[in-house]
Amino acid sequence: MTINGLGPVDPLKNMGKTDKPSGPVKSGRPDSIEVSSEAKSQAELLSAREIARSAPEVRMDRVNEVKVKLQNPNYINNAILESTAEGILKSFGL
């Protein structure tokens, strides 16, 4: 029995030969995404947090405004005291 030669077999020889890419496939529709209402809410919440974090803890303009008002002896009256008391009660949920 004789075996005829198969010729050179080099599996790495054909590695460089590849088909050319055909390019992007166009479907005729433009790309689009949909953002859920939950994602929108989360984005708004994140934005509000960032604004709150970047704001100073003590607003000196408001502090100075209150100091000026308190220097006026006519500023503190029953209407102001009642309004302040109602605000405090509301903040405690009462």
C-alpha atoms as a PDB file:
ATOM      1  CA  MET A   1       0.000   0.000   0.000  1.00  0.00           C
ATOM      2  CA  THR A   2       1.296   3.416  -0.868  1.00  0.00           C
ATOM      3  CA  ILE A   3       0.195   6.780   0.467  1.00  0.00           C
ATOM      4  CA  ASN A   4       0.386   9.670  -1.912  1.00  0.00           C
ATOM      5  CA  GLY A   5       1.565  12.975  -0.426  1.00  0.00           C
ATOM      6  CA  LEU A   6      -1.139  15.427   0.573  1.00  0.00           C
ATOM      7  CA  GLY A   7       0.987  18.450  -0.024  1.00  0.00           C
ATOM      8  CA  PRO A   8       1.911  21.017   2.534  1.00  0.00           C
ATOM      9  CA  VAL A   9      -0.601  21.392   5.324  1.00  0.00           C
ATOM     10  CA  ASP A  10      -0.200  24.638   7.232  1.00  0.00           C
ATOM     11  CA  PRO A  11      -3.297  25.634   9.251  1.00  0.00           C
ATOM     12  CA  LEU A  12      -1.877  29.100   9.983  1.00  0.00           C
ATOM     13  CA  LYS A  13      -1.340  29.897   6.328  1.00  0.00           C
ATOM     14  CA  ASN A  14      -4.970  30.786   5.669  1.00  0.00           C
ATOM     15  CA  MET A  15      -5.468  32.821   8.872  1.00  0.00           C
ATOM     16  CA  GLY A  16      -4.690  36.108   7.131  1.00  0.00           C
ATOM     17  CA  LYS A  17      -7.237  35.511   4.394  1.00  0.00           C
ATOM     18  CA  THR A  18     -10.611  36.770   5.547  1.00  0.00           C
ATOM     19  CA  ASP A  19     -13.646  38.035   3.738  1.00  0.00           C
ATOM     20  CA  LYS A  20     -14.074  41.772   3.577  1.00  0.00           C
ATOM     21  CA  PRO A  21     -16.667  43.126   5.976  1.00  0.00           C
ATOM     22  CA  SER A  22     -19.896  44.075   4.313  1.00  0.00           C
ATOM     23  CA  GLY A  23     -20.364  47.259   6.382  1.00  0.00           C
ATOM     24  CA  PRO A  24     -23.282  48.319   8.534  1.00  0.00           C
ATOM     25  CA  VAL A  25     -26.693  46.922   7.790  1.00  0.00           C
ATOM     26  CA  LYS A  26     -29.276  49.626   7.216  1.00  0.00           C
ATOM     27  CA  SER A  27     -32.783  48.778   8.299  1.00  0.00           C
ATOM     28  CA  GLY A  28     -34.490  51.931   7.082  1.00  0.00           C
ATOM     29  CA  ARG A  29     -35.579  52.927  10.598  1.00  0.00           C
ATOM     30  CA  PRO A  30     -33.724  55.528  12.658  1.00  0.00           C
ATOM     31  CA  ASP A  31     -32.332  54.454  16.013  1.00  0.00           C
ATOM     32  CA  SER A  32     -34.433  55.360  19.006  1.00  0.00           C
ATOM     33  CA  ILE A  33     -34.718  54.725  22.726  1.00  0.00           C
ATOM     34  CA  GLU A  34     -37.499  55.038  25.250  1.00  0.00           C
ATOM     35  CA  VAL A  35     -36.858  56.258  28.785  1.00  0.00           C
ATOM     36  CA  SER A  36     -39.225  54.914  31.407  1.00  0.00           C
ATOM     37  CA  SER A  37     -41.074  57.207  33.783  1.00  0.00           C
ATOM     38  CA  GLU A  38     -39.180  55.580  36.669  1.00  0.00           C
ATOM     39  CA  ALA A  39     -35.849  56.480  35.048  1.00  0.00           C
ATOM     40  CA  LYS A  40     -37.049  60.053  34.527  1.00  0.00           C
ATOM     41  CA  SER A  41     -38.059  60.291  38.186  1.00  0.00           C
ATOM     42  CA  GLN A  42     -34.696  58.933  39.287  1.00  0.00           C
ATOM     43  CA  ALA A  43     -32.907  61.474  37.076  1.00  0.00           C
ATOM     44  CA  GLU A  44     -34.933  64.328  38.590  1.00  0.00           C
ATOM     45  CA  LEU A  45     -34.183  63.057  42.089  1.00  0.00           C
ATOM     46  CA  LEU A  46     -30.468  62.830  41.311  1.00  0.00           C
ATOM     47  CA  SER A  47     -30.507  66.359  39.913  1.00  0.00           C
ATOM     48  CA  ALA A  48     -32.253  67.682  43.033  1.00  0.00           C
ATOM     49  CA  ARG A  49     -29.728  65.917  45.275  1.00  0.00           C
ATOM     50  CA  GLU A  50     -26.824  67.479  43.390  1.00  0.00           C
ATOM     51  CA  ILE A  51     -28.358  70.939  43.695  1.00  0.00           C
ATOM     52  CA  ALA A  52     -28.916  70.417  47.424  1.00  0.00           C
ATOM     53  CA  ARG A  53     -25.355  69.160  47.935  1.00  0.00           C
ATOM     54  CA  SER A  54     -23.847  72.098  46.102  1.00  0.00           C
ATOM     55  CA  ALA A  55     -25.843  74.669  48.094  1.00  0.00           C
ATOM     56  CA  PRO A  56     -24.212  76.089  51.206  1.00  0.00           C
ATOM     57  CA  GLU A  57     -25.577  74.788  54.511  1.00  0.00           C
ATOM     58  CA  VAL A  58     -26.048  78.288  55.925  1.00  0.00           C
ATOM     59  CA  ARG A  59     -27.473  80.925  53.615  1.00  0.00           C
ATOM     60  CA  MET A  60     -25.839  84.054  54.952  1.00  0.00           C
ATOM     61  CA  ASP A  61     -28.098  86.301  52.875  1.00  0.00           C
ATOM     62  CA  ARG A  62     -31.148  84.934  54.722  1.00  0.00           C
ATOM     63  CA  VAL A  63     -29.370  85.142  58.102  1.00  0.00           C
ATOM     64  CA  ASN A  64     -28.523  88.807  57.512  1.00  0.00           C
ATOM     65  CA  GLU A  65     -32.076  89.498  56.362  1.00  0.00           C
ATOM     66  CA  VAL A  66     -33.513  88.045  59.588  1.00  0.00           C
ATOM     67  CA  LYS A  67     -30.983  89.950  61.718  1.00  0.00           C
ATOM     68  CA  VAL A  68     -32.108  93.225  60.155  1.00  0.00           C
ATOM     69  CA  LYS A  69     -35.776  92.359  60.724  1.00  0.00           C
ATOM     70  CA  LEU A  70     -35.157  91.424  64.373  1.00  0.00           C
ATOM     71  CA  GLN A  71     -33.482  94.767  65.043  1.00  0.00           C
ATOM     72  CA  ASN A  72     -36.798  96.483  64.276  1.00  0.00           C
ATOM     73  CA  PRO A  73     -38.825  96.448  67.531  1.00  0.00           C
ATOM     74  CA  ASN A  74     -42.123  96.554  65.585  1.00  0.00           C
ATOM     75  CA  TYR A  75     -41.298  93.376  63.642  1.00  0.00           C
ATOM     76  CA  ILE A  76     -42.144  90.906  66.401  1.00  0.00           C
ATOM     77  CA  ASN A  77     -45.894  91.034  66.957  1.00  0.00           C
ATOM     78  CA  ASN A  78     -48.687  88.529  67.596  1.00  0.00           C
ATOM     79  CA  ALA A  79     -49.197  87.778  63.885  1.00  0.00           C
ATOM     80  CA  ILE A  80     -45.516  86.871  63.438  1.00  0.00           C
ATOM     81  CA  LEU A  81     -45.508  84.757  66.615  1.00  0.00           C
ATOM     82  CA  GLU A  82     -48.656  82.865  65.566  1.00  0.00           C
ATOM     83  CA  SER A  83     -47.311  82.282  62.063  1.00  0.00           C
ATOM     84  CA  THR A  84     -44.029  80.970  63.466  1.00  0.00           C
ATOM     85  CA  ALA A  85     -45.825  78.694  65.944  1.00  0.00           C
ATOM     86  CA  GLU A  86     -48.055  77.286  63.165  1.00  0.00           C
ATOM     87  CA  GLY A  87     -44.988  76.612  61.022  1.00  0.00           C
ATOM     88  CA  ILE A  88     -43.301  74.728  63.860  1.00  0.00           C
ATOM     89  CA  LEU A  89     -46.421  72.641  64.520  1.00  0.00           C
ATOM     90  CA  LYS A  90     -46.753  71.784  60.810  1.00  0.00           C
ATOM     91  CA  SER A  91     -43.129  70.673  60.672  1.00  0.00           C
ATOM     92  CA  PHE A  92     -43.884  68.176  63.459  1.00  0.00           C
ATOM     93  CA  GLY A  93     -47.054  67.010  61.694  1.00  0.00           C
ATOM     94  CA  LEU A  94     -49.394  68.388  64.339  1.00  0.00           C
END
